[in-house]
């Protein structure tokens, strides 16, 4: 998907732009609550997708990620480092994938805590 639509930039803008927020939200949801977010291939693909969004749709990638996290109730401060790295044009895909792995671990611990607190 990202290699086929996102590189088209302006030509695909009207089609792709409305998809950025749902894609980012799906990434956030996966990081926050899915065991597949610990899989290296999944993290590599997610890093590639998000970095491609940033590369081809510039300023829209970070707000889309913020919006997706916000819909899931993830506090903005838990997203700062990830957004900072996503906004860095020099970040490498492998280091961004590592940041996604760390984020997933942190968010999943918080998700379990919220679930336990809600059940009591």
Protein backbone atom coordinates (compact mmCIF):
# COMPACT_ATOMS: atom_id res chain seq x y z
CA UNK A 1 0.00 0.00 0.00
CA UNK A 2 2.50 2.61 1.11
CA UNK A 3 4.85 2.00 -1.78
CA UNK A 4 2.03 2.13 -4.31
CA UNK A 5 -0.06 5.09 -3.12
CA UNK A 6 2.02 7.23 -0.80
CA UNK A 7 4.84 8.05 -3.26
CA UNK A 8 2.40 9.59 -5.71
CA UNK A 9 2.28 12.63 -3.46
CA UNK A 10 0.17 15.41 -4.97
CA UNK A 11 -1.51 13.13 -7.50
CA UNK A 12 -2.77 10.74 -4.83
CA UNK A 13 -3.21 13.44 -2.19
CA UNK A 14 -7.00 13.67 -2.43
CA UNK A 15 -7.28 9.89 -2.19
CA UNK A 16 -4.60 9.22 0.41
CA UNK A 17 -4.96 12.25 2.71
CA UNK A 18 -8.25 11.05 4.30
CA UNK A 19 -6.64 7.65 4.91
CA UNK A 20 -3.64 8.93 6.91
CA UNK A 21 -5.50 9.34 10.22
CA UNK A 22 -7.20 5.90 10.09
CA UNK A 23 -3.89 4.27 9.13
CA UNK A 24 -2.11 6.01 12.01
CA UNK A 25 -4.93 5.05 14.38
CA UNK A 26 -4.65 1.40 13.30
CA UNK A 27 -0.91 1.56 13.99
CA UNK A 28 -1.55 3.05 17.44
CA UNK A 29 -4.22 0.45 18.21
CA UNK A 30 -1.83 -2.34 17.20
CA UNK A 31 0.97 -0.89 19.32
CA UNK A 32 -1.31 -0.42 22.32
CA UNK A 33 -3.05 -3.75 22.46
CA UNK A 34 -1.90 -6.39 19.99
CA UNK A 35 0.71 -9.06 20.61
CA UNK A 36 1.71 -8.86 16.94
CA UNK A 37 3.32 -5.51 17.74
CA UNK A 38 6.21 -7.44 19.25
CA UNK A 39 6.97 -9.14 15.93
CA UNK A 40 10.00 -7.66 14.17
CA UNK A 41 8.46 -7.95 10.71
CA UNK A 42 5.32 -6.13 11.85
CA UNK A 43 7.39 -3.38 13.47
CA UNK A 44 9.57 -3.03 10.37
CA UNK A 45 6.49 -2.77 8.14
CA UNK A 46 4.86 -0.25 10.46
CA UNK A 47 8.03 1.83 10.59
CA UNK A 48 8.26 1.76 6.80
CA UNK A 49 4.61 2.79 6.45
CA UNK A 50 4.76 5.66 8.95
CA UNK A 51 8.05 6.96 7.59
CA UNK A 52 6.65 6.77 4.07
CA UNK A 53 3.64 8.80 5.25
CA UNK A 54 6.03 11.39 6.64
CA UNK A 55 8.20 11.43 3.54
CA UNK A 56 5.38 11.79 1.05
CA UNK A 57 2.82 13.72 3.07
CA UNK A 58 5.13 15.79 5.26
CA UNK A 59 3.37 17.63 8.01
CA UNK A 60 0.35 15.32 8.01
CA UNK A 61 2.05 12.25 9.50
CA UNK A 62 2.69 13.48 13.05
CA UNK A 63 -0.79 15.03 13.53
CA UNK A 64 -2.34 11.82 12.16
CA UNK A 65 -0.39 9.79 14.73
CA UNK A 66 -1.39 12.21 17.50
CA UNK A 67 -5.02 12.00 16.46
CA UNK A 68 -4.94 8.21 16.36
CA UNK A 69 -3.38 7.98 19.81
CA UNK A 70 -5.82 10.51 21.20
CA UNK A 71 -8.80 8.47 20.00
CA UNK A 72 -7.42 5.54 21.96
CA UNK A 73 -6.96 7.59 25.13
CA UNK A 74 -3.16 7.50 24.97
CA UNK A 75 -1.81 10.54 26.83
CA UNK A 76 0.02 13.03 24.64
CA UNK A 77 3.20 12.82 26.76
CA UNK A 78 3.44 9.08 26.01
CA UNK A 79 3.54 9.96 22.33
CA UNK A 80 6.11 12.78 22.39
CA UNK A 81 9.23 10.70 21.73
CA UNK A 82 7.60 8.72 18.94
CA UNK A 83 6.30 11.90 17.26
CA UNK A 84 9.70 13.50 17.65
CA UNK A 85 11.34 10.57 15.88
CA UNK A 86 8.66 10.45 13.19
CA UNK A 87 9.21 14.15 12.55
CA UNK A 88 12.99 13.70 12.27
CA UNK A 89 13.92 13.51 8.58
CA UNK A 90 17.18 11.74 9.50
CA UNK A 91 15.70 8.89 11.54
CA UNK A 92 16.55 5.47 10.15
CA UNK A 93 13.89 2.85 9.62
CA UNK A 94 15.58 0.35 11.97
CA UNK A 95 15.85 2.82 14.85
CA UNK A 96 12.25 3.93 14.32
CA UNK A 97 11.15 0.27 14.41
CA UNK A 98 13.00 -0.09 17.74
CA UNK A 99 11.19 3.00 19.05
CA UNK A 100 7.90 1.43 17.97
CA UNK A 101 8.80 -1.76 19.88
CA UNK A 102 9.56 0.22 23.04
CA UNK A 103 6.36 2.19 22.61
CA UNK A 104 4.34 -1.00 22.18
CA UNK A 105 5.77 -2.47 25.38
CA UNK A 106 5.02 0.68 27.34
CA UNK A 107 1.51 1.17 25.95
CA UNK A 108 0.58 -2.47 26.48
CA UNK A 109 1.61 -2.31 30.14
CA UNK A 110 -0.58 0.78 30.50
CA UNK A 111 -3.44 -0.97 28.68
CA UNK A 112 -3.26 -3.89 31.13
CA UNK A 113 -3.18 -1.47 34.09
CA UNK A 114 -6.23 0.41 32.79
CA UNK A 115 -8.06 -2.88 32.20
CA UNK A 116 -7.27 -4.10 35.71
CA UNK A 117 -8.28 -0.78 37.28
CA UNK A 118 -11.56 -0.81 35.34
CA UNK A 119 -12.38 -4.33 36.55
CA UNK A 120 -12.06 -3.40 40.23
